[in-house]
Each structure stands twice: as C-alpha cells, then as structure tokens.
Amino acid sequence: MSTVTEIIDAVKQLDERSKAGFLARLAEVDFEDVWDRQIAADAKAGKLDALWREAQAHPAAG
C-alpha cells in the first residue's frame, strides 16, 4: 500500500473535528512546485522580458 493511500485511509477514519483540523493544517502546505517558483523568480528578475516583448509584438500569432 502506498503512503498516499495510507494517509487517505487514516483521514477517512478521523472524526469530523479531527478532519477539520487536518484540512486546516493541509491548507498550510505549499503545493506550488519548484518549476512554478523558478518561473516566478525568473519573471521577477526580468529574465522573461524579451519573451514578453516578442509576444506583445506578435499578438495575432497567439
């Protein structure tokens, strides 16, 4: 059995109050993946500016 399956099975057995607490804690987890963070950092650093200018120059191309 996988760890994910074990977690889901355990959560199913919780009472409603404990489930609510689990969901509240789960909301604190950062699920944004590394790739998304890298793209955001590159955009903030201006590394994507040339691509943005090119896209703006050719709006009909999509």
C-alpha atoms as a PDB file:
ATOM      1  CA  MET A   1       0.000   0.000   0.000  1.00  0.00           C
ATOM      2  CA  SER A   2       1.336   3.448  -0.894  1.00  0.00           C
ATOM      3  CA  THR A   3       1.890   6.182   1.641  1.00  0.00           C
ATOM      4  CA  VAL A   4      -0.785   8.314  -0.021  1.00  0.00           C
ATOM      5  CA  THR A   5      -3.322   5.505   0.262  1.00  0.00           C
ATOM      6  CA  GLU A   6      -2.420   5.027   3.913  1.00  0.00           C
ATOM      7  CA  ILE A   7      -2.891   8.735   4.595  1.00  0.00           C
ATOM      8  CA  ILE A   8      -6.265   8.809   2.847  1.00  0.00           C
ATOM      9  CA  ASP A   9      -7.431   5.721   4.727  1.00  0.00           C
ATOM     10  CA  ALA A  10      -6.330   7.266   8.028  1.00  0.00           C
ATOM     11  CA  VAL A  11      -8.108  10.563   7.273  1.00  0.00           C
ATOM     12  CA  LYS A  12     -11.314   8.682   6.453  1.00  0.00           C
ATOM     13  CA  GLN A  13     -11.283   7.256   9.966  1.00  0.00           C
ATOM     14  CA  LEU A  14     -10.986  10.634  11.708  1.00  0.00           C
ATOM     15  CA  ASP A  15     -13.939  12.219  13.434  1.00  0.00           C
ATOM     16  CA  GLU A  16     -15.292  15.435  11.900  1.00  0.00           C
ATOM     17  CA  ARG A  17     -13.382  17.721  14.264  1.00  0.00           C
ATOM     18  CA  SER A  18     -10.101  15.960  13.550  1.00  0.00           C
ATOM     19  CA  LYS A  19     -10.793  16.046   9.800  1.00  0.00           C
ATOM     20  CA  ALA A  20     -11.369  19.781  10.015  1.00  0.00           C
ATOM     21  CA  GLY A  21      -8.096  20.190  11.874  1.00  0.00           C
ATOM     22  CA  PHE A  22      -6.301  18.072   9.297  1.00  0.00           C
ATOM     23  CA  LEU A  23      -7.707  20.142   6.433  1.00  0.00           C
ATOM     24  CA  ALA A  24      -6.721  23.360   8.169  1.00  0.00           C
ATOM     25  CA  ARG A  25      -3.158  22.102   8.555  1.00  0.00           C
ATOM     26  CA  LEU A  26      -3.121  20.803   4.970  1.00  0.00           C
ATOM     27  CA  ALA A  27      -4.008  24.302   3.766  1.00  0.00           C
ATOM     28  CA  GLU A  28      -0.695  25.467   5.266  1.00  0.00           C
ATOM     29  CA  VAL A  29       1.285  23.209   2.916  1.00  0.00           C
ATOM     30  CA  ASP A  30       2.890  24.938  -0.053  1.00  0.00           C
ATOM     31  CA  PHE A  31       1.973  22.792  -3.042  1.00  0.00           C
ATOM     32  CA  GLU A  32       3.475  25.154  -5.577  1.00  0.00           C
ATOM     33  CA  ASP A  33       6.098  23.117  -7.344  1.00  0.00           C
ATOM     34  CA  VAL A  34       9.725  24.029  -7.944  1.00  0.00           C
ATOM     35  CA  TRP A  35       9.172  24.806 -11.624  1.00  0.00           C
ATOM     36  CA  ASP A  36       6.474  27.371 -10.837  1.00  0.00           C
ATOM     37  CA  ARG A  37       8.716  29.046  -8.252  1.00  0.00           C
ATOM     38  CA  GLN A  38      11.588  29.174 -10.766  1.00  0.00           C
ATOM     39  CA  ILE A  39       9.394  30.755 -13.442  1.00  0.00           C
ATOM     40  CA  ALA A  40       8.169  33.341 -10.929  1.00  0.00           C
ATOM     41  CA  ALA A  41      11.734  34.122  -9.860  1.00  0.00           C
ATOM     42  CA  ASP A  42      12.902  34.410 -13.487  1.00  0.00           C
ATOM     43  CA  ALA A  43       9.982  36.718 -14.310  1.00  0.00           C
ATOM     44  CA  LYS A  44      10.723  38.911 -11.303  1.00  0.00           C
ATOM     45  CA  ALA A  45      14.409  39.064 -12.291  1.00  0.00           C
ATOM     46  CA  GLY A  46      13.469  40.200 -15.803  1.00  0.00           C
ATOM     47  CA  LYS A  47      14.745  37.043 -17.489  1.00  0.00           C
ATOM     48  CA  LEU A  48      11.478  36.641 -19.385  1.00  0.00           C
ATOM     49  CA  ASP A  49      11.183  40.257 -20.537  1.00  0.00           C
ATOM     50  CA  ALA A  50      12.463  39.521 -24.062  1.00  0.00           C
ATOM     51  CA  LEU A  51       9.883  36.777 -24.475  1.00  0.00           C
ATOM     52  CA  TRP A  52       7.151  39.113 -23.218  1.00  0.00           C
ATOM     53  CA  ARG A  53       8.173  41.838 -25.679  1.00  0.00           C
ATOM     54  CA  GLU A  54       8.195  39.319 -28.525  1.00  0.00           C
ATOM     55  CA  ALA A  55       4.740  38.069 -27.592  1.00  0.00           C
ATOM     56  CA  GLN A  56       3.414  41.633 -27.462  1.00  0.00           C
ATOM     57  CA  ALA A  57       4.903  42.367 -30.892  1.00  0.00           C
ATOM     58  CA  HIS A  58       3.033  39.457 -32.455  1.00  0.00           C
ATOM     59  CA  PRO A  59      -0.418  39.320 -30.840  1.00  0.00           C
ATOM     60  CA  ALA A  60      -2.063  37.756 -33.888  1.00  0.00           C
ATOM     61  CA  ALA A  61       0.298  34.799 -33.660  1.00  0.00           C
ATOM     62  CA  GLY A  62      -1.160  33.922 -30.267  1.00  0.00           C
END
